[in-house]
PDB file of N, CA and C in Angstrom:
ATOM      1  N   MET A   1       0.865  -1.135  -0.062  1.00  0.00           N
ATOM      2  CA  MET A   1      -0.021  -0.085   0.052  1.00  0.00           C
ATOM      3  C   MET A   1       0.920   1.276  -0.041  1.00  0.00           C
ATOM      4  N   THR A   2       0.605   2.128  -0.799  1.00  0.00           N
ATOM      5  CA  THR A   2       1.312   3.405  -0.975  1.00  0.00           C
ATOM      6  C   THR A   2       0.758   4.488  -0.094  1.00  0.00           C
ATOM      7  N   ARG A   3       1.554   5.147   0.578  1.00  0.00           N
ATOM      8  CA  ARG A   3       1.091   6.292   1.446  1.00  0.00           C
ATOM      9  C   ARG A   3       0.962   7.552   0.638  1.00  0.00           C
ATOM     10  N   THR A   4       0.016   8.280   0.798  1.00  0.00           N
ATOM     11  CA  THR A   4      -0.144   9.619   0.074  1.00  0.00           C
ATOM     12  C   THR A   4       0.549  10.741   0.785  1.00  0.00           C
ATOM     13  N   HIS A   5       0.812  10.554   2.064  1.00  0.00           N
ATOM     14  CA  HIS A   5       1.438  11.596   2.922  1.00  0.00           C
ATOM     15  C   HIS A   5       2.195  10.797   4.033  1.00  0.00           C
ATOM     16  N   GLU A   6       3.324  11.344   4.512  1.00  0.00           N
ATOM     17  CA  GLU A   6       4.062  10.652   5.500  1.00  0.00           C
ATOM     18  C   GLU A   6       3.337  10.501   6.847  1.00  0.00           C
ATOM     19  N   LYS A   7       2.384  11.397   7.095  1.00  0.00           N
ATOM     20  CA  LYS A   7       1.652  11.347   8.376  1.00  0.00           C
ATOM     21  C   LYS A   7       0.536  10.295   8.382  1.00  0.00           C
ATOM     22  N   VAL A   8       0.133   9.854   7.192  1.00  0.00           N
ATOM     23  CA  VAL A   8      -0.900   8.917   7.134  1.00  0.00           C
ATOM     24  C   VAL A   8      -0.489   7.644   7.778  1.00  0.00           C
ATOM     25  N   GLY A   9      -1.200   7.012   8.550  1.00  0.00           N
ATOM     26  CA  GLY A   9      -0.856   5.745   9.192  1.00  0.00           C
ATOM     27  C   GLY A   9      -2.178   4.923   9.439  1.00  0.00           C
ATOM     28  N   HIS A  10      -2.025   3.922  10.276  1.00  0.00           N
ATOM     29  CA  HIS A  10      -3.191   3.179  10.592  1.00  0.00           C
ATOM     30  C   HIS A  10      -3.941   3.826  11.723  1.00  0.00           C
ATOM     31  N   ALA A  11      -5.285   3.755  11.822  1.00  0.00           N
ATOM     32  CA  ALA A  11      -6.101   4.198  12.914  1.00  0.00           C
ATOM     33  C   ALA A  11      -5.784   3.324  14.102  1.00  0.00           C
ATOM     34  N   PRO A  12      -5.691   3.966  15.263  1.00  0.00           N
ATOM     35  CA  PRO A  12      -5.424   3.093  16.525  1.00  0.00           C
ATOM     36  C   PRO A  12      -6.544   2.127  16.831  1.00  0.00           C
ATOM     37  N   ALA A  13      -6.124   1.026  17.252  1.00  0.00           N
ATOM     38  CA  ALA A  13      -7.032  -0.025  17.608  1.00  0.00           C
ATOM     39  C   ALA A  13      -7.932   0.409  18.812  1.00  0.00           C
ATOM     40  N   SER A  14      -9.219   0.165  18.664  1.00  0.00           N
ATOM     41  CA  SER A  14     -10.150   0.656  19.685  1.00  0.00           C
ATOM     42  C   SER A  14     -11.123  -0.516  20.101  1.00  0.00           C
ATOM     43  N   LYS A  15     -11.294  -0.767  21.327  1.00  0.00           N
ATOM     44  CA  LYS A  15     -12.260  -1.858  21.743  1.00  0.00           C
ATOM     45  C   LYS A  15     -13.718  -1.445  21.309  1.00  0.00           C
ATOM     46  N   VAL A  16     -14.024  -0.135  21.420  1.00  0.00           N
ATOM     47  CA  VAL A  16     -15.412   0.278  21.009  1.00  0.00           C
ATOM     48  C   VAL A  16     -15.588  -0.022  19.521  1.00  0.00           C
ATOM     49  N   LEU A  17     -14.595   0.337  18.688  1.00  0.00           N
ATOM     50  CA  LEU A  17     -14.788   0.162  17.272  1.00  0.00           C
ATOM     51  C   LEU A  17     -14.909  -1.238  16.807  1.00  0.00           C
ATOM     52  N   GLU A  18     -14.353  -2.175  17.609  1.00  0.00           N
ATOM     53  CA  GLU A  18     -14.501  -3.508  17.253  1.00  0.00           C
ATOM     54  C   GLU A  18     -16.007  -4.087  17.265  1.00  0.00           C
ATOM     55  N   ARG A  19     -16.876  -3.326  17.960  1.00  0.00           N
ATOM     56  CA  ARG A  19     -18.291  -3.677  18.015  1.00  0.00           C
ATOM     57  C   ARG A  19     -19.070  -3.164  16.851  1.00  0.00           C
ATOM     58  N   TYR A  20     -18.506  -2.317  15.986  1.00  0.00           N
ATOM     59  CA  TYR A  20     -19.318  -1.596  15.034  1.00  0.00           C
ATOM     60  C   TYR A  20     -18.639  -1.797  13.636  1.00  0.00           C
ATOM     61  N   THR A  21     -19.520  -1.678  12.648  1.00  0.00           N
ATOM     62  CA  THR A  21     -19.047  -1.571  11.235  1.00  0.00           C
ATOM     63  C   THR A  21     -18.952  -0.105  10.978  1.00  0.00           C
ATOM     64  N   SER A  22     -18.369   0.152   9.885  1.00  0.00           N
ATOM     65  CA  SER A  22     -18.259   1.651   9.508  1.00  0.00           C
ATOM     66  C   SER A  22     -19.521   2.292   9.405  1.00  0.00           C
ATOM     67  N   GLU A  23     -20.551   1.591   8.888  1.00  0.00           N
ATOM     68  CA  GLU A  23     -21.857   2.134   8.778  1.00  0.00           C
ATOM     69  C   GLU A  23     -22.564   2.413  10.050  1.00  0.00           C
ATOM     70  N   THR A  24     -22.494   1.414  10.981  1.00  0.00           N
ATOM     71  CA  THR A  24     -23.193   1.444  12.284  1.00  0.00           C
ATOM     72  C   THR A  24     -22.602   2.470  13.123  1.00  0.00           C
ATOM     73  N   ALA A  25     -21.190   2.610  13.106  1.00  0.00           N
ATOM     74  CA  ALA A  25     -20.427   3.619  13.847  1.00  0.00           C
ATOM     75  C   ALA A  25     -20.804   4.964  13.355  1.00  0.00           C
ATOM     76  N   ALA A  26     -20.916   5.191  12.066  1.00  0.00           N
ATOM     77  CA  ALA A  26     -21.335   6.536  11.502  1.00  0.00           C
ATOM     78  C   ALA A  26     -22.702   6.893  11.882  1.00  0.00           C
ATOM     79  N   LYS A  27     -23.601   5.956  11.849  1.00  0.00           N
ATOM     80  CA  LYS A  27     -25.019   6.268  12.260  1.00  0.00           C
ATOM     81  C   LYS A  27     -25.079   6.473  13.719  1.00  0.00           C
ATOM     82  N   GLY A  28     -24.373   5.829  14.558  1.00  0.00           N
ATOM     83  CA  GLY A  28     -24.380   6.052  15.992  1.00  0.00           C
ATOM     84  C   GLY A  28     -23.879   7.447  16.344  1.00  0.00           C
ATOM     85  N   VAL A  29     -22.817   7.869  15.636  1.00  0.00           N
ATOM     86  CA  VAL A  29     -22.248   9.243  15.924  1.00  0.00           C
ATOM     87  C   VAL A  29     -23.330  10.334  15.415  1.00  0.00           C
ATOM     88  N   GLU A  30     -23.872   9.956  14.290  1.00  0.00           N
ATOM     89  CA  GLU A  30     -24.815  10.919  13.715  1.00  0.00           C
ATOM     90  C   GLU A  30     -26.054  11.068  14.712  1.00  0.00           C
ATOM     91  N   ASN A  31     -26.508   9.984  15.226  1.00  0.00           N
ATOM     92  CA  ASN A  31     -27.604  10.111  16.219  1.00  0.00           C
ATOM     93  C   ASN A  31     -27.225  10.818  17.453  1.00  0.00           C
ATOM     94  N   GLY A  32     -25.983  10.654  17.898  1.00  0.00           N
ATOM     95  CA  GLY A  32     -25.495  11.438  18.979  1.00  0.00           C
ATOM     96  C   GLY A  32     -25.445  12.931  18.720  1.00  0.00           C
ATOM     97  N   LEU A  33     -24.988  13.250  17.588  1.00  0.00           N
ATOM     98  CA  LEU A  33     -24.832  14.635  17.106  1.00  0.00           C
ATOM     99  C   LEU A  33     -26.211  15.287  17.070  1.00  0.00           C
ATOM    100  N   LYS A  34     -27.224  14.513  16.674  1.00  0.00           N
ATOM    101  CA  LYS A  34     -28.592  15.036  16.604  1.00  0.00           C
ATOM    102  C   LYS A  34     -29.148  15.480  18.008  1.00  0.00           C
ATOM    103  N   LEU A  35     -28.674  14.794  19.064  1.00  0.00           N
ATOM    104  CA  LEU A  35     -29.045  15.114  20.416  1.00  0.00           C
ATOM    105  C   LEU A  35     -28.539  16.522  20.791  1.00  0.00           C
ATOM    106  N   ILE A  36     -27.437  16.964  20.292  1.00  0.00           N
ATOM    107  CA  ILE A  36     -26.932  18.246  20.681  1.00  0.00           C
ATOM    108  C   ILE A  36     -26.976  19.325  19.701  1.00  0.00           C
ATOM    109  N   GLU A  37     -27.602  19.026  18.504  1.00  0.00           N
ATOM    110  CA  GLU A  37     -27.681  19.980  17.535  1.00  0.00           C
ATOM    111  C   GLU A  37     -28.857  20.981  17.890  1.00  0.00           C
ATOM    112  N   GLY A  38     -28.676  22.176  17.572  1.00  0.00           N
ATOM    113  CA  GLY A  38     -29.592  23.253  18.009  1.00  0.00           C
ATOM    114  C   GLY A  38     -28.620  24.454  18.347  1.00  0.00           C
ATOM    115  N   ARG A  39     -29.207  25.589  18.059  1.00  0.00           N
ATOM    116  CA  ARG A  39     -28.391  26.748  18.168  1.00  0.00           C
ATOM    117  C   ARG A  39     -27.900  27.004  19.643  1.00  0.00           C
ATOM    118  N   TRP A  40     -28.714  26.632  20.675  1.00  0.00           N
ATOM    119  CA  TRP A  40     -28.302  26.958  22.044  1.00  0.00           C
ATOM    120  C   TRP A  40     -27.942  25.717  22.941  1.00  0.00           C
ATOM    121  N   LYS A  41     -28.183  24.495  22.328  1.00  0.00           N
ATOM    122  CA  LYS A  41     -28.003  23.385  23.199  1.00  0.00           C
ATOM    123  C   LYS A  41     -26.592  23.241  23.796  1.00  0.00           C
ATOM    124  N   LEU A  42     -25.548  23.369  22.918  1.00  0.00           N
ATOM    125  CA  LEU A  42     -24.158  23.237  23.416  1.00  0.00           C
ATOM    126  C   LEU A  42     -23.820  24.353  24.476  1.00  0.00           C
ATOM    127  N   VAL A  43     -24.402  25.531  24.253  1.00  0.00           N
ATOM    128  CA  VAL A  43     -24.130  26.646  25.235  1.00  0.00           C
ATOM    129  C   VAL A  43     -24.840  26.247  26.516  1.00  0.00           C
ATOM    130  N   ILE A  44     -26.021  25.817  26.504  1.00  0.00           N
ATOM    131  CA  ILE A  44     -26.651  25.376  27.681  1.00  0.00           C
ATOM    132  C   ILE A  44     -25.860  24.287  28.429  1.00  0.00           C
ATOM    133  N   LEU A  45     -25.410  23.302  27.687  1.00  0.00           N
ATOM    134  CA  LEU A  45     -24.642  22.214  28.228  1.00  0.00           C
ATOM    135  C   LEU A  45     -23.380  22.702  28.881  1.00  0.00           C
ATOM    136  N   PHE A  46     -22.626  23.562  28.213  1.00  0.00           N
ATOM    137  CA  PHE A  46     -21.404  24.087  28.857  1.00  0.00           C
ATOM    138  C   PHE A  46     -21.598  24.826  30.042  1.00  0.00           C
ATOM    139  N   HIS A  47     -22.752  25.601  30.195  1.00  0.00           N
ATOM    140  CA  HIS A  47     -23.125  26.224  31.385  1.00  0.00           C
ATOM    141  C   HIS A  47     -23.435  25.206  32.584  1.00  0.00           C
ATOM    142  N   LEU A  48     -23.903  24.104  32.233  1.00  0.00           N
ATOM    143  CA  LEU A  48     -24.323  23.235  33.257  1.00  0.00           C
ATOM    144  C   LEU A  48     -23.240  22.171  33.627  1.00  0.00           C
ATOM    145  N   PHE A  49     -22.117  22.114  32.837  1.00  0.00           N
ATOM    146  CA  PHE A  49     -21.113  21.109  33.092  1.00  0.00           C
ATOM    147  C   PHE A  49     -20.520  21.378  34.561  1.00  0.00           C
ATOM    148  N   GLY A  50     -19.836  20.370  34.967  1.00  0.00           N
ATOM    149  CA  GLY A  50     -19.221  20.458  36.300  1.00  0.00           C
ATOM    150  C   GLY A  50     -20.170  20.379  37.517  1.00  0.00           C
ATOM    151  N   GLY A  51     -21.424  19.880  37.209  1.00  0.00           N
ATOM    152  CA  GLY A  51     -22.384  19.760  38.329  1.00  0.00           C
ATOM    153  C   GLY A  51     -23.131  20.940  38.659  1.00  0.00           C
ATOM    154  N   ARG A  52     -23.003  22.012  37.833  1.00  0.00           N
ATOM    155  CA  ARG A  52     -23.743  23.202  38.106  1.00  0.00           C
ATOM    156  C   ARG A  52     -25.227  23.004  38.092  1.00  0.00           C
ATOM    157  N   VAL A  53     -25.885  23.651  38.945  1.00  0.00           N
ATOM    158  CA  VAL A  53     -27.323  23.665  39.022  1.00  0.00           C
ATOM    159  C   VAL A  53     -27.736  25.145  38.748  1.00  0.00           C
ATOM    160  N   MET A  54     -28.654  25.272  37.832  1.00  0.00           N
ATOM    161  CA  MET A  54     -29.101  26.712  37.410  1.00  0.00           C
ATOM    162  C   MET A  54     -30.581  26.844  37.269  1.00  0.00           C
ATOM    163  N   ARG A  55     -31.014  27.926  37.766  1.00  0.00           N
ATOM    164  CA  ARG A  55     -32.542  28.133  37.542  1.00  0.00           C
ATOM    165  C   ARG A  55     -32.710  28.755  36.084  1.00  0.00           C
ATOM    166  N   PHE A  56     -33.928  28.744  35.691  1.00  0.00           N
ATOM    167  CA  PHE A  56     -34.264  29.246  34.327  1.00  0.00           C
ATOM    168  C   PHE A  56     -33.699  30.693  34.231  1.00  0.00           C
ATOM    169  N   SER A  57     -33.996  31.487  35.165  1.00  0.00           N
ATOM    170  CA  SER A  57     -33.584  32.885  35.076  1.00  0.00           C
ATOM    171  C   SER A  57     -32.122  33.122  35.063  1.00  0.00           C
ATOM    172  N   GLU A  58     -31.403  32.180  35.746  1.00  0.00           N
ATOM    173  CA  GLU A  58     -29.873  32.318  35.646  1.00  0.00           C
ATOM    174  C   GLU A  58     -29.429  31.894  34.324  1.00  0.00           C
ATOM    175  N   LEU A  59     -30.048  30.895  33.736  1.00  0.00           N
ATOM    176  CA  LEU A  59     -29.658  30.531  32.345  1.00  0.00           C
ATOM    177  C   LEU A  59     -29.947  31.712  31.323  1.00  0.00           C
ATOM    178  N   GLU A  60     -31.073  32.331  31.533  1.00  0.00           N
ATOM    179  CA  GLU A  60     -31.523  33.492  30.734  1.00  0.00           C
ATOM    180  C   GLU A  60     -30.448  34.665  30.830  1.00  0.00           C
ATOM    181  N   ARG A  61     -30.008  34.898  32.033  1.00  0.00           N
ATOM    182  CA  ARG A  61     -28.931  35.889  32.151  1.00  0.00           C
ATOM    183  C   ARG A  61     -27.658  35.504  31.644  1.00  0.00           C
ATOM    184  N   ALA A  62     -27.341  34.216  31.740  1.00  0.00           N
ATOM    185  CA  ALA A  62     -26.059  33.688  31.211  1.00  0.00           C
ATOM    186  C   ALA A  62     -25.951  33.683  29.787  1.00  0.00           C
ATOM    187  N   ILE A  63     -27.062  33.504  29.118  1.00  0.00           N
ATOM    188  CA  ILE A  63     -27.182  33.540  27.639  1.00  0.00           C
ATOM    189  C   ILE A  63     -28.112  34.642  27.195  1.00  0.00           C
ATOM    190  N   PRO A  64     -27.716  35.910  27.190  1.00  0.00           N
ATOM    191  CA  PRO A  64     -28.687  36.913  26.965  1.00  0.00           C
ATOM    192  C   PRO A  64     -29.155  37.005  25.505  1.00  0.00           C
ATOM    193  N   GLU A  65     -28.475  36.385  24.500  1.00  0.00           N
ATOM    194  CA  GLU A  65     -28.971  36.415  23.161  1.00  0.00           C
ATOM    195  C   GLU A  65     -30.097  35.465  22.897  1.00  0.00           C
ATOM    196  N   VAL A  66     -30.440  34.478  23.775  1.00  0.00           N
ATOM    197  CA  VAL A  66     -31.507  33.544  23.550  1.00  0.00           C
ATOM    198  C   VAL A  66     -32.805  34.157  24.148  1.00  0.00           C
ATOM    199  N   SER A  67     -33.977  33.870  23.309  1.00  0.00           N
ATOM    200  CA  SER A  67     -35.312  34.259  23.803  1.00  0.00           C
ATOM    201  C   SER A  67     -35.766  33.208  24.805  1.00  0.00           C
ATOM    202  N   GLN A  68     -36.811  33.699  25.578  1.00  0.00           N
ATOM    203  CA  GLN A  68     -37.306  32.757  26.507  1.00  0.00           C
ATOM    204  C   GLN A  68     -37.996  31.607  25.911  1.00  0.00           C
ATOM    205  N   LYS A  69     -38.681  31.760  24.754  1.00  0.00           N
ATOM    206  CA  LYS A  69     -39.197  30.751  24.073  1.00  0.00           C
ATOM    207  C   LYS A  69     -38.214  29.666  23.593  1.00  0.00           C
ATOM    208  N   MET A  70     -37.112  30.206  22.990  1.00  0.00           N
ATOM    209  CA  MET A  70     -36.086  29.281  22.434  1.00  0.00           C
ATOM    210  C   MET A  70     -35.470  28.492  23.581  1.00  0.00           C
ATOM    211  N   LEU A  71     -35.073  29.230  24.692  1.00  0.00           N
ATOM    212  CA  LEU A  71     -34.399  28.589  25.824  1.00  0.00           C
ATOM    213  C   LEU A  71     -35.331  27.454  26.365  1.00  0.00           C
ATOM    214  N   THR A  72     -36.652  27.736  26.454  1.00  0.00           N
ATOM    215  CA  THR A  72     -37.552  26.688  26.949  1.00  0.00           C
ATOM    216  C   THR A  72     -37.563  25.502  26.042  1.00  0.00           C
ATOM    217  N   GLN A  73     -37.682  25.804  24.709  1.00  0.00           N
ATOM    218  CA  GLN A  73     -37.687  24.690  23.709  1.00  0.00           C
ATOM    219  C   GLN A  73     -36.435  23.780  23.848  1.00  0.00           C
ATOM    220  N   GLN A  74     -35.276  24.516  23.866  1.00  0.00           N
ATOM    221  CA  GLN A  74     -33.960  23.786  23.931  1.00  0.00           C
ATOM    222  C   GLN A  74     -33.848  22.898  25.223  1.00  0.00           C
ATOM    223  N   LEU A  75     -34.271  23.506  26.391  1.00  0.00           N
ATOM    224  CA  LEU A  75     -34.178  22.756  27.668  1.00  0.00           C
ATOM    225  C   LEU A  75     -35.164  21.644  27.599  1.00  0.00           C
ATOM    226  N   ARG A  76     -36.389  21.717  27.095  1.00  0.00           N
ATOM    227  CA  ARG A  76     -37.286  20.701  26.984  1.00  0.00           C
ATOM    228  C   ARG A  76     -36.742  19.498  26.151  1.00  0.00           C
ATOM    229  N   GLN A  77     -36.145  19.883  24.989  1.00  0.00           N
ATOM    230  CA  GLN A  77     -35.552  18.868  24.140  1.00  0.00           C
ATOM    231  C   GLN A  77     -34.456  18.137  24.900  1.00  0.00           C
ATOM    232  N   LEU A  78     -33.542  18.904  25.542  1.00  0.00           N
ATOM    233  CA  LEU A  78     -32.467  18.275  26.344  1.00  0.00           C
ATOM    234  C   LEU A  78     -32.933  17.370  27.368  1.00  0.00           C
ATOM    235  N   GLU A  79     -34.133  17.819  28.048  1.00  0.00           N
ATOM    236  CA  GLU A  79     -34.706  16.977  29.116  1.00  0.00           C
ATOM    237  C   GLU A  79     -35.316  15.700  28.553  1.00  0.00           C
ATOM    238  N   ALA A  80     -36.022  15.887  27.368  1.00  0.00           N
ATOM    239  CA  ALA A  80     -36.672  14.674  26.761  1.00  0.00           C
ATOM    240  C   ALA A  80     -35.718  13.749  26.274  1.00  0.00           C
ATOM    241  N   ASP A  81     -34.449  14.196  25.888  1.00  0.00           N
ATOM    242  CA  ASP A  81     -33.375  13.262  25.451  1.00  0.00           C
ATOM    243  C   ASP A  81     -32.617  12.718  26.531  1.00  0.00           C
ATOM    244  N   GLY A  82     -32.911  13.194  27.711  1.00  0.00           N
ATOM    245  CA  GLY A  82     -32.142  12.602  28.918  1.00  0.00           C
ATOM    246  C   GLY A  82     -30.834  13.148  29.304  1.00  0.00           C
ATOM    247  N   LEU A  83     -30.503  14.334  28.690  1.00  0.00           N
ATOM    248  CA  LEU A  83     -29.279  14.936  28.963  1.00  0.00           C
ATOM    249  C   LEU A  83     -29.369  15.964  30.171  1.00  0.00           C
ATOM    250  N   VAL A  84     -30.482  16.555  30.344  1.00  0.00           N
ATOM    251  CA  VAL A  84     -30.789  17.548  31.402  1.00  0.00           C
ATOM    252  C   VAL A  84     -31.907  17.002  32.356  1.00  0.00           C
ATOM    253  N   GLN A  85     -31.816  17.292  33.613  1.00  0.00           N
ATOM    254  CA  GLN A  85     -32.798  16.959  34.532  1.00  0.00           C
ATOM    255  C   GLN A  85     -33.423  18.274  35.179  1.00  0.00           C
ATOM    256  N   ARG A  86     -34.705  18.271  35.106  1.00  0.00           N
ATOM    257  CA  ARG A  86     -35.527  19.490  35.585  1.00  0.00           C
ATOM    258  C   ARG A  86     -36.151  19.142  36.768  1.00  0.00           C
ATOM    259  N   THR A  87     -35.933  19.984  37.854  1.00  0.00           N
ATOM    260  CA  THR A  87     -36.519  19.789  39.130  1.00  0.00           C
ATOM    261  C   THR A  87     -37.429  21.005  39.410  1.00  0.00           C
ATOM    262  N   VAL A  88     -38.676  20.716  39.776  1.00  0.00           N
ATOM    263  CA  VAL A  88     -39.672  21.716  40.130  1.00  0.00           C
ATOM    264  C   VAL A  88     -39.924  21.540  41.581  1.00  0.00           C
ATOM    265  N   TYR A  89     -39.757  22.682  42.400  1.00  0.00           N
ATOM    266  CA  TYR A  89     -40.089  22.645  43.783  1.00  0.00           C
ATOM    267  C   TYR A  89     -41.414  23.314  44.098  1.00  0.00           C
ATOM    268  N   PRO A  90     -42.265  22.646  44.908  1.00  0.00           N
ATOM    269  CA  PRO A  90     -43.574  23.071  45.180  1.00  0.00           C
ATOM    270  C   PRO A  90     -43.574  24.343  46.038  1.00  0.00           C
ATOM    271  N   GLU A  91     -43.151  25.428  45.571  1.00  0.00           N
ATOM    272  CA  GLU A  91     -43.169  26.734  46.294  1.00  0.00           C
ATOM    273  C   GLU A  91     -43.873  27.715  45.601  1.00  0.00           C
ATOM    274  N   VAL A  92     -44.211  28.798  46.261  1.00  0.00           N
ATOM    275  CA  VAL A  92     -44.865  29.927  45.598  1.00  0.00           C
ATOM    276  C   VAL A  92     -43.899  31.115  45.621  1.00  0.00           C
ATOM    277  N   PRO A  93     -43.453  31.661  44.588  1.00  0.00           N
ATOM    278  CA  PRO A  93     -43.609  31.160  43.209  1.00  0.00           C
ATOM    279  C   PRO A  93     -42.760  29.901  43.015  1.00  0.00           C
ATOM    280  N   PRO A  94     -43.111  29.107  42.035  1.00  0.00           N
ATOM    281  CA  PRO A  94     -42.457  27.752  41.785  1.00  0.00           C
ATOM    282  C   PRO A  94     -41.008  28.034  41.374  1.00  0.00           C
ATOM    283  N   ARG A  95     -40.103  27.177  41.938  1.00  0.00           N
ATOM    284  CA  ARG A  95     -38.744  27.284  41.639  1.00  0.00           C
ATOM    285  C   ARG A  95     -38.339  26.128  40.775  1.00  0.00           C
ATOM    286  N   VAL A  96     -37.684  26.333  39.586  1.00  0.00           N
ATOM    287  CA  VAL A  96     -37.403  25.264  38.648  1.00  0.00           C
ATOM    288  C   VAL A  96     -35.812  25.337  38.567  1.00  0.00           C
ATOM    289  N   GLU A  97     -35.201  24.157  38.749  1.00  0.00           N
ATOM    290  CA  GLU A  97     -33.681  24.109  38.488  1.00  0.00           C
ATOM    291  C   GLU A  97     -33.395  23.092  37.463  1.00  0.00           C
ATOM    292  N   TYR A  98     -32.208  23.351  36.797  1.00  0.00           N
ATOM    293  CA  TYR A  98     -31.808  22.471  35.744  1.00  0.00           C
ATOM    294  C   TYR A  98     -30.363  21.961  36.071  1.00  0.00           C
ATOM    295  N   ARG A  99     -30.113  20.715  35.886  1.00  0.00           N
ATOM    296  CA  ARG A  99     -28.821  20.240  36.043  1.00  0.00           C
ATOM    297  C   ARG A  99     -28.617  19.094  35.001  1.00  0.00           C
ATOM    298  N   LEU A 100     -27.376  18.707  34.740  1.00  0.00           N
ATOM    299  CA  LEU A 100     -27.108  17.675  33.775  1.00  0.00           C
ATOM    300  C   LEU A 100     -27.461  16.315  34.413  1.00  0.00           C
ATOM    301  N   SER A 101     -27.979  15.383  33.725  1.00  0.00           N
ATOM    302  CA  SER A 101     -28.039  14.049  34.167  1.00  0.00           C
ATOM    303  C   SER A 101     -26.712  13.444  34.211  1.00  0.00           C
ATOM    304  N   ALA A 102     -26.540  12.210  34.834  1.00  0.00           N
ATOM    305  CA  ALA A 102     -25.212  11.623  34.764  1.00  0.00           C
ATOM    306  C   ALA A 102     -24.797  11.359  33.312  1.00  0.00           C
ATOM    307  N   TRP A 103     -25.825  10.950  32.482  1.00  0.00           N
ATOM    308  CA  TRP A 103     -25.418  10.713  31.044  1.00  0.00           C
ATOM    309  C   TRP A 103     -25.048  12.062  30.370  1.00  0.00           C
ATOM    310  N   GLY A 104     -25.676  13.158  30.677  1.00  0.00           N
ATOM    311  CA  GLY A 104     -25.310  14.448  30.200  1.00  0.00           C
ATOM    312  C   GLY A 104     -23.882  14.806  30.648  1.00  0.00           C
ATOM    313  N   GLN A 105     -23.638  14.626  31.873  1.00  0.00           N
ATOM    314  CA  GLN A 105     -22.329  14.968  32.441  1.00  0.00           C
ATOM    315  C   GLN A 105     -21.196  14.085  31.810  1.00  0.00           C
ATOM    316  N   ALA A 106     -21.502  12.937  31.394  1.00  0.00           N
ATOM    317  CA  ALA A 106     -20.568  11.965  30.758  1.00  0.00           C
ATOM    318  C   ALA A 106     -20.223  12.465  29.333  1.00  0.00           C
ATOM    319  N   LEU A 107     -21.032  13.445  28.796  1.00  0.00           N
ATOM    320  CA  LEU A 107     -20.689  14.007  27.568  1.00  0.00           C
ATOM    321  C   LEU A 107     -19.481  15.002  27.622  1.00  0.00           C
ATOM    322  N   CYS A 108     -19.244  15.527  28.837  1.00  0.00           N
ATOM    323  CA  CYS A 108     -18.292  16.567  28.930  1.00  0.00           C
ATOM    324  C   CYS A 108     -16.789  16.190  28.398  1.00  0.00           C
ATOM    325  N   PRO A 109     -16.320  15.040  28.729  1.00  0.00           N
ATOM    326  CA  PRO A 109     -14.943  14.698  28.183  1.00  0.00           C
ATOM    327  C   PRO A 109     -15.006  14.593  26.629  1.00  0.00           C
ATOM    328  N   ALA A 110     -16.032  14.131  26.103  1.00  0.00           N
ATOM    329  CA  ALA A 110     -16.163  13.950  24.567  1.00  0.00           C
ATOM    330  C   ALA A 110     -16.197  15.322  23.950  1.00  0.00           C
ATOM    331  N   LEU A 111     -16.887  16.260  24.523  1.00  0.00           N
ATOM    332  CA  LEU A 111     -16.864  17.617  24.021  1.00  0.00           C
ATOM    333  C   LEU A 111     -15.605  18.340  24.170  1.00  0.00           C
ATOM    334  N   ASP A 112     -14.958  18.065  25.375  1.00  0.00           N
ATOM    335  CA  ASP A 112     -13.635  18.663  25.660  1.00  0.00           C
ATOM    336  C   ASP A 112     -12.666  18.109  24.623  1.00  0.00           C
ATOM    337  N   ALA A 113     -12.681  16.781  24.280  1.00  0.00           N
ATOM    338  CA  ALA A 113     -11.806  16.199  23.227  1.00  0.00           C
ATOM    339  C   ALA A 113     -12.079  16.754  21.869  1.00  0.00           C
ATOM    340  N   PHE A 114     -13.422  16.984  21.562  1.00  0.00           N
ATOM    341  CA  PHE A 114     -13.736  17.569  20.226  1.00  0.00           C
ATOM    342  C   PHE A 114     -13.205  18.919  20.114  1.00  0.00           C
ATOM    343  N   LEU A 115     -13.317  19.754  21.225  1.00  0.00           N
ATOM    344  CA  LEU A 115     -12.807  21.088  21.210  1.00  0.00           C
ATOM    345  C   LEU A 115     -11.251  21.157  20.921  1.00  0.00           C
ATOM    346  N   GLU A 116     -10.653  20.226  21.691  1.00  0.00           N
ATOM    347  CA  GLU A 116      -9.145  20.150  21.428  1.00  0.00           C
ATOM    348  C   GLU A 116      -8.858  19.694  20.044  1.00  0.00           C
ATOM    349  N   TRP A 117      -9.632  18.873  19.453  1.00  0.00           N
ATOM    350  CA  TRP A 117      -9.449  18.367  18.057  1.00  0.00           C
ATOM    351  C   TRP A 117      -9.572  19.565  17.097  1.00  0.00           C
ATOM    352  N   THR A 118     -10.620  20.336  17.307  1.00  0.00           N
ATOM    353  CA  THR A 118     -10.791  21.537  16.541  1.00  0.00           C
ATOM    354  C   THR A 118      -9.714  22.631  16.615  1.00  0.00           C
ATOM    355  N   VAL A 119      -9.210  22.771  17.757  1.00  0.00           N
ATOM    356  CA  VAL A 119      -8.178  23.778  18.045  1.00  0.00           C
ATOM    357  C   VAL A 119      -6.808  23.324  17.382  1.00  0.00           C
ATOM    358  N   ALA A 120      -6.616  21.890  17.322  1.00  0.00           N
ATOM    359  CA  ALA A 120      -5.387  21.381  16.832  1.00  0.00           C
ATOM    360  C   ALA A 120      -5.346  21.208  15.290  1.00  0.00           C
ATOM    361  N   LYS A 121      -6.228  21.846  14.580  1.00  0.00           N
ATOM    362  CA  LYS A 121      -6.374  21.725  13.020  1.00  0.00           C
ATOM    363  C   LYS A 121      -5.011  22.226  12.549  1.00  0.00           C
ATOM    364  N   PRO A 122      -4.460  21.397  11.654  1.00  0.00           N
ATOM    365  CA  PRO A 122      -3.144  21.715  11.044  1.00  0.00           C
ATOM    366  C   PRO A 122      -3.444  22.815   9.912  1.00  0.00           C
ATOM    367  N   GLU A 123      -2.450  23.641   9.826  1.00  0.00           N
ATOM    368  CA  GLU A 123      -2.557  24.815   8.814  1.00  0.00           C
ATOM    369  C   GLU A 123      -2.133  24.337   7.435  1.00  0.00           C
TER     370      GLU A 123
END
């Protein structure tokens, strides 16, 4: 086999990749990316990483560019997908807090790695 560039090599062996074909791996990653697609979802996730618990109004102040409607929609989708937990306290006025689920928190290292990958883009 002829190399097209001296840096081209073999992909590192991975136990995870042994369970998938190229097609099923691509589909799995595509499905995962669909969970976090949306203009504000990543911003919301990054605000909640590290075990932070935030009220709706705190998220609104932290992301001033987002409308209430859009923030509500994005939070509902993240909750429905199991990435965010919503806790409503029976008080007057009601207090609602958002935090990442354990599964949502497990996404943090993957997004950190993805960020490092984008920063390391060769020129």
